[in-house]
């Protein structure tokens, strides 16, 4: 689903950015542009970022 229409950022893009180390809205905006144009998506982007981070917590650690 699109989170940021201005920059074409999807929830999958946000998950990938989190997997690659993004840990804040500023980092997400720098990497994807999400929330950096009109700003209408910023609240939802914060929510999607938190969800992506919580999904990452359930992954098993490598031995």
C-alpha atoms as a PDB file:
ATOM      1  CA  UNK A   1       0.000   0.000   0.000  1.00  0.00           C
ATOM      2  CA  UNK A   2       1.210   3.518  -0.743  1.00  0.00           C
ATOM      3  CA  UNK A   3       2.177   5.522   2.321  1.00  0.00           C
ATOM      4  CA  UNK A   4       3.611   8.556   0.496  1.00  0.00           C
ATOM      5  CA  UNK A   5       1.964   9.297  -2.834  1.00  0.00           C
ATOM      6  CA  UNK A   6       4.215  12.289  -3.573  1.00  0.00           C
ATOM      7  CA  UNK A   7       7.326  10.111  -3.590  1.00  0.00           C
ATOM      8  CA  UNK A   8       5.775   6.729  -4.413  1.00  0.00           C
ATOM      9  CA  UNK A   9       6.798   5.109  -1.108  1.00  0.00           C
ATOM     10  CA  UNK A  10       4.999   1.921  -0.086  1.00  0.00           C
ATOM     11  CA  UNK A  11       4.818   0.057   3.205  1.00  0.00           C
ATOM     12  CA  UNK A  12       7.193  -2.500   1.653  1.00  0.00           C
ATOM     13  CA  UNK A  13       9.681   0.276   0.920  1.00  0.00           C
ATOM     14  CA  UNK A  14       9.468   1.312   4.575  1.00  0.00           C
ATOM     15  CA  UNK A  15      10.009  -2.275   5.740  1.00  0.00           C
ATOM     16  CA  UNK A  16      13.052  -2.561   3.484  1.00  0.00           C
ATOM     17  CA  UNK A  17      14.428   0.762   4.792  1.00  0.00           C
ATOM     18  CA  UNK A  18      13.996  -0.434   8.398  1.00  0.00           C
ATOM     19  CA  UNK A  19      15.683  -3.731   7.527  1.00  0.00           C
ATOM     20  CA  UNK A  20      18.580  -1.684   6.133  1.00  0.00           C
ATOM     21  CA  UNK A  21      18.918   0.413   9.291  1.00  0.00           C
ATOM     22  CA  UNK A  22      16.437   3.317   9.161  1.00  0.00           C
ATOM     23  CA  UNK A  23      15.285   3.987  12.705  1.00  0.00           C
ATOM     24  CA  UNK A  24      13.544   7.370  12.547  1.00  0.00           C
ATOM     25  CA  UNK A  25      11.266   9.430  10.342  1.00  0.00           C
ATOM     26  CA  UNK A  26      14.204  11.695   9.454  1.00  0.00           C
ATOM     27  CA  UNK A  27      16.261   8.692   8.341  1.00  0.00           C
ATOM     28  CA  UNK A  28      13.295   7.347   6.383  1.00  0.00           C
ATOM     29  CA  UNK A  29      12.777  10.718   4.671  1.00  0.00           C
ATOM     30  CA  UNK A  30      16.465  10.924   3.777  1.00  0.00           C
ATOM     31  CA  UNK A  31      16.449   7.427   2.283  1.00  0.00           C
ATOM     32  CA  UNK A  32      13.033   7.329   0.563  1.00  0.00           C
ATOM     33  CA  UNK A  33      11.701  10.893   0.476  1.00  0.00           C
ATOM     34  CA  UNK A  34       8.684   9.780   2.513  1.00  0.00           C
ATOM     35  CA  UNK A  35       7.173  12.753   4.328  1.00  0.00           C
ATOM     36  CA  UNK A  36       9.499  15.293   2.764  1.00  0.00           C
ATOM     37  CA  UNK A  37       7.220  16.873   0.162  1.00  0.00           C
ATOM     38  CA  UNK A  38       3.727  17.861   1.317  1.00  0.00           C
ATOM     39  CA  UNK A  39       3.914  16.169   4.728  1.00  0.00           C
ATOM     40  CA  UNK A  40       0.390  14.738   4.639  1.00  0.00           C
ATOM     41  CA  UNK A  41       1.736  11.207   5.112  1.00  0.00           C
ATOM     42  CA  UNK A  42       3.987  11.909   8.103  1.00  0.00           C
ATOM     43  CA  UNK A  43       1.592  10.544  10.758  1.00  0.00           C
ATOM     44  CA  UNK A  44       0.954   7.366   8.798  1.00  0.00           C
ATOM     45  CA  UNK A  45       4.665   7.058   7.985  1.00  0.00           C
ATOM     46  CA  UNK A  46       5.473   7.129  11.713  1.00  0.00           C
ATOM     47  CA  UNK A  47       2.909   4.368  12.280  1.00  0.00           C
ATOM     48  CA  UNK A  48       4.234   2.291   9.358  1.00  0.00           C
ATOM     49  CA  UNK A  49       7.795   2.789  10.624  1.00  0.00           C
ATOM     50  CA  UNK A  50       6.817   1.533  14.098  1.00  0.00           C
ATOM     51  CA  UNK A  51       5.042  -1.487  12.608  1.00  0.00           C
ATOM     52  CA  UNK A  52       8.050  -2.315  10.445  1.00  0.00           C
ATOM     53  CA  UNK A  53      10.348  -2.034  13.456  1.00  0.00           C
ATOM     54  CA  UNK A  54       8.117  -4.318  15.547  1.00  0.00           C
ATOM     55  CA  UNK A  55       8.048  -6.933  12.778  1.00  0.00           C
ATOM     56  CA  UNK A  56      11.835  -6.953  12.838  1.00  0.00           C
ATOM     57  CA  UNK A  57      11.850  -7.771  16.563  1.00  0.00           C
ATOM     58  CA  UNK A  58      10.328 -11.197  15.966  1.00  0.00           C
ATOM     59  CA  UNK A  59      13.125 -12.481  13.752  1.00  0.00           C
ATOM     60  CA  UNK A  60      15.348 -15.188  15.221  1.00  0.00           C
ATOM     61  CA  UNK A  61      18.976 -14.272  15.837  1.00  0.00           C
ATOM     62  CA  UNK A  62      21.600 -15.968  13.671  1.00  0.00           C
ATOM     63  CA  UNK A  63      23.838 -18.423  15.511  1.00  0.00           C
END
